[in-house]
N, C-alpha and C. Protein backbone atom coordinates (compact mmCIF):
# COMPACT_ATOMS: atom_id res chain seq x y z
N UNK A 1 120.37 60.49 89.01
CA UNK A 1 119.49 61.05 90.02
C UNK A 1 119.85 60.44 91.38
N UNK A 2 120.07 61.28 92.34
CA UNK A 2 120.42 60.85 93.68
C UNK A 2 119.20 60.90 94.58
N UNK A 3 118.98 59.83 95.32
CA UNK A 3 117.85 59.77 96.24
C UNK A 3 118.36 60.13 97.63
N UNK A 4 117.75 61.14 98.21
CA UNK A 4 118.12 61.54 99.57
C UNK A 4 117.16 60.89 100.55
N UNK A 5 117.74 60.17 101.47
CA UNK A 5 116.93 59.49 102.49
C UNK A 5 117.17 60.17 103.83
N UNK A 6 116.15 60.22 104.65
CA UNK A 6 116.36 60.79 105.99
C UNK A 6 117.31 59.90 106.78
N UNK A 7 118.07 60.48 107.69
CA UNK A 7 119.01 59.67 108.48
C UNK A 7 118.25 58.65 109.32
N UNK A 8 118.79 57.46 109.39
CA UNK A 8 118.18 56.39 110.17
C UNK A 8 118.66 56.52 111.61
N UNK A 9 117.72 56.51 112.52
CA UNK A 9 118.07 56.62 113.93
C UNK A 9 118.35 55.23 114.48
N UNK A 10 119.56 55.02 114.92
CA UNK A 10 119.98 53.73 115.45
C UNK A 10 120.06 53.83 116.96
N UNK A 11 119.36 52.93 117.64
CA UNK A 11 119.42 52.96 119.09
C UNK A 11 120.68 52.26 119.58
N UNK A 12 121.08 52.59 120.76
CA UNK A 12 122.31 52.06 121.33
C UNK A 12 122.13 50.61 121.74
N UNK A 13 122.94 49.71 121.18
CA UNK A 13 122.87 48.32 121.62
C UNK A 13 123.65 48.14 122.93
N UNK A 14 123.09 47.37 123.84
CA UNK A 14 123.71 47.15 125.14
C UNK A 14 124.37 45.78 125.20
N UNK A 15 125.49 45.71 125.87
CA UNK A 15 126.15 44.42 126.08
C UNK A 15 125.45 43.68 127.21
N UNK A 16 125.74 42.41 127.33
CA UNK A 16 125.17 41.60 128.41
C UNK A 16 125.57 42.19 129.77
N UNK A 17 126.82 42.62 129.88
CA UNK A 17 127.30 43.20 131.15
C UNK A 17 126.55 44.49 131.48
N UNK A 18 126.27 45.32 130.46
CA UNK A 18 125.54 46.57 130.70
C UNK A 18 124.11 46.29 131.13
N UNK A 19 123.48 45.32 130.50
CA UNK A 19 122.11 44.96 130.87
C UNK A 19 122.08 44.43 132.30
N UNK A 20 123.03 43.59 132.64
CA UNK A 20 123.10 43.05 134.00
C UNK A 20 123.26 44.17 135.02
N UNK A 21 124.10 45.14 134.70
CA UNK A 21 124.31 46.26 135.63
C UNK A 21 123.04 47.09 135.77
N UNK A 22 122.36 47.36 134.66
CA UNK A 22 121.12 48.15 134.71
C UNK A 22 120.03 47.44 135.49
N UNK A 23 119.98 46.11 135.38
CA UNK A 23 118.96 45.34 136.10
C UNK A 23 119.37 45.01 137.53
N UNK A 24 120.65 45.21 137.85
CA UNK A 24 121.13 44.90 139.19
C UNK A 24 121.28 43.41 139.41
N UNK A 25 121.66 42.68 138.34
CA UNK A 25 121.82 41.24 138.43
C UNK A 25 123.22 40.84 137.97
N UNK A 26 123.47 39.55 137.97
CA UNK A 26 124.72 39.06 137.40
C UNK A 26 124.55 38.92 135.89
N UNK A 27 125.62 38.66 135.17
CA UNK A 27 125.56 38.50 133.71
C UNK A 27 124.77 37.24 133.33
N UNK A 28 124.67 36.32 134.25
CA UNK A 28 123.97 35.07 133.96
C UNK A 28 122.49 35.29 133.64
N UNK A 29 121.85 36.25 134.32
CA UNK A 29 120.42 36.49 134.11
C UNK A 29 120.12 36.97 132.69
N UNK A 30 120.78 38.02 132.16
CA UNK A 30 120.50 38.40 130.77
C UNK A 30 120.86 37.29 129.77
N UNK A 31 121.90 36.53 130.06
CA UNK A 31 122.25 35.42 129.17
C UNK A 31 121.14 34.37 129.15
N UNK A 32 120.51 34.14 130.31
CA UNK A 32 119.41 33.19 130.37
C UNK A 32 118.19 33.70 129.59
N UNK A 33 117.92 35.01 129.70
CA UNK A 33 116.83 35.61 128.94
C UNK A 33 117.05 35.43 127.45
N UNK A 34 118.30 35.58 127.01
CA UNK A 34 118.64 35.40 125.60
C UNK A 34 118.47 33.94 125.20
N UNK A 35 119.00 33.02 126.01
CA UNK A 35 118.92 31.59 125.70
C UNK A 35 117.48 31.12 125.61
N UNK A 36 116.61 31.66 126.47
CA UNK A 36 115.21 31.27 126.49
C UNK A 36 114.37 32.12 125.52
N UNK A 37 115.02 33.04 124.82
CA UNK A 37 114.38 33.96 123.88
C UNK A 37 113.22 34.72 124.52
N UNK A 38 113.46 35.19 125.73
CA UNK A 38 112.46 35.97 126.46
C UNK A 38 112.68 37.46 126.27
N UNK A 39 113.77 37.85 125.58
CA UNK A 39 114.07 39.24 125.31
C UNK A 39 114.60 39.32 123.88
N UNK A 40 114.29 40.43 123.21
CA UNK A 40 114.75 40.62 121.84
C UNK A 40 116.24 40.95 121.87
N UNK A 41 117.00 40.34 120.96
CA UNK A 41 118.45 40.58 120.92
C UNK A 41 118.94 40.52 119.49
N UNK A 42 120.18 40.97 119.28
CA UNK A 42 120.79 41.01 117.96
C UNK A 42 122.15 40.33 118.04
N UNK A 43 122.43 39.49 117.08
CA UNK A 43 123.76 38.88 116.99
C UNK A 43 124.60 39.72 116.04
N UNK A 44 125.78 40.10 116.49
CA UNK A 44 126.74 40.83 115.68
C UNK A 44 127.98 39.96 115.65
N UNK A 45 128.06 39.10 114.64
CA UNK A 45 129.14 38.13 114.61
C UNK A 45 128.96 37.17 115.78
N UNK A 46 129.99 37.06 116.61
CA UNK A 46 129.90 36.20 117.80
C UNK A 46 129.30 36.91 119.00
N UNK A 47 129.12 38.22 118.87
CA UNK A 47 128.64 39.03 120.00
C UNK A 47 127.13 39.12 120.01
N UNK A 48 126.59 39.32 121.19
CA UNK A 48 125.15 39.48 121.37
C UNK A 48 124.91 40.86 121.96
N UNK A 49 123.97 41.58 121.39
CA UNK A 49 123.61 42.90 121.90
C UNK A 49 122.10 42.96 122.10
N UNK A 50 121.70 43.73 123.10
CA UNK A 50 120.28 43.90 123.41
C UNK A 50 119.94 45.37 123.19
N UNK A 51 119.01 45.65 122.28
CA UNK A 51 118.62 47.05 122.06
C UNK A 51 117.99 47.64 123.33
N UNK A 52 118.23 48.92 123.53
CA UNK A 52 117.67 49.59 124.72
C UNK A 52 116.15 49.45 124.76
N UNK A 53 115.51 49.53 123.60
CA UNK A 53 114.04 49.43 123.56
C UNK A 53 113.58 48.04 124.00
N UNK A 54 114.37 47.01 123.69
CA UNK A 54 114.01 45.65 124.11
C UNK A 54 114.09 45.51 125.62
N UNK A 55 115.11 46.13 126.22
CA UNK A 55 115.24 46.09 127.68
C UNK A 55 114.08 46.85 128.33
N UNK A 56 113.75 48.01 127.77
CA UNK A 56 112.64 48.80 128.30
C UNK A 56 111.33 48.01 128.20
N UNK A 57 111.10 47.34 127.06
CA UNK A 57 109.88 46.55 126.89
C UNK A 57 109.83 45.38 127.87
N UNK A 58 110.99 44.75 128.11
CA UNK A 58 111.04 43.64 129.06
C UNK A 58 110.67 44.12 130.46
N UNK A 59 111.21 45.27 130.85
CA UNK A 59 110.92 45.82 132.17
C UNK A 59 109.45 46.19 132.28
N UNK A 60 108.91 46.85 131.26
CA UNK A 60 107.51 47.26 131.29
C UNK A 60 106.57 46.06 131.33
N UNK A 61 106.94 44.97 130.67
CA UNK A 61 106.10 43.77 130.66
C UNK A 61 106.03 43.13 132.05
N UNK A 62 107.02 43.39 132.88
CA UNK A 62 107.05 42.80 134.21
C UNK A 62 106.49 43.68 135.30
N UNK A 63 106.03 44.88 134.94
CA UNK A 63 105.50 45.81 135.93
C UNK A 63 104.12 45.35 136.38
N UNK A 64 103.95 45.28 137.68
CA UNK A 64 102.67 44.88 138.26
C UNK A 64 102.15 46.07 139.07
N UNK A 65 101.00 46.56 138.67
CA UNK A 65 100.40 47.72 139.33
C UNK A 65 99.75 47.27 140.65
N UNK A 66 99.78 48.13 141.66
CA UNK A 66 99.16 47.77 142.93
C UNK A 66 97.63 47.70 142.79
N UNK A 67 97.05 46.82 143.57
CA UNK A 67 95.60 46.67 143.57
C UNK A 67 95.05 47.58 144.64
N UNK A 68 94.10 48.39 144.25
CA UNK A 68 93.46 49.26 145.25
C UNK A 68 92.05 48.74 145.46
N UNK A 69 91.74 48.43 146.68
CA UNK A 69 90.41 47.94 147.01
C UNK A 69 89.86 48.76 148.16
N UNK A 70 88.56 48.85 148.23
CA UNK A 70 87.98 49.61 149.35
C UNK A 70 88.29 48.93 150.67
N UNK A 71 88.49 49.74 151.68
CA UNK A 71 88.78 49.19 153.00
C UNK A 71 87.54 48.59 153.60
N UNK A 72 87.72 47.45 154.22
CA UNK A 72 86.60 46.81 154.91
C UNK A 72 86.64 47.20 156.38
N UNK A 73 85.49 47.40 156.91
CA UNK A 73 85.40 47.71 158.33
C UNK A 73 85.30 46.42 159.12
N UNK A 74 86.00 46.38 160.20
CA UNK A 74 85.92 45.21 161.08
C UNK A 74 84.69 45.32 161.95
N UNK A 75 84.05 44.18 162.09
CA UNK A 75 82.91 44.15 162.99
C UNK A 75 83.40 43.95 164.40
N UNK A 76 82.84 44.67 165.28
CA UNK A 76 83.18 44.51 166.69
C UNK A 76 82.09 43.67 167.33
N UNK A 77 82.48 42.59 167.94
CA UNK A 77 81.50 41.67 168.50
C UNK A 77 81.16 42.03 169.91
């Protein structure tokens, strides 16, 4: 009996250089994120890859929404 499994969707792993280019930084910044374990990554032998979803999650975690407050009127003396 053969078991048919649905195809597994594999996301594209990004290299350190690709992540740096997408973030607009040098390669040192993604390497530091990996060293400090601030971003999810995968080791493939000696190579390190960052899943696209991990990069997206890292970016979303750093998003700061603007604060909207009511305008105050200045008192005229």
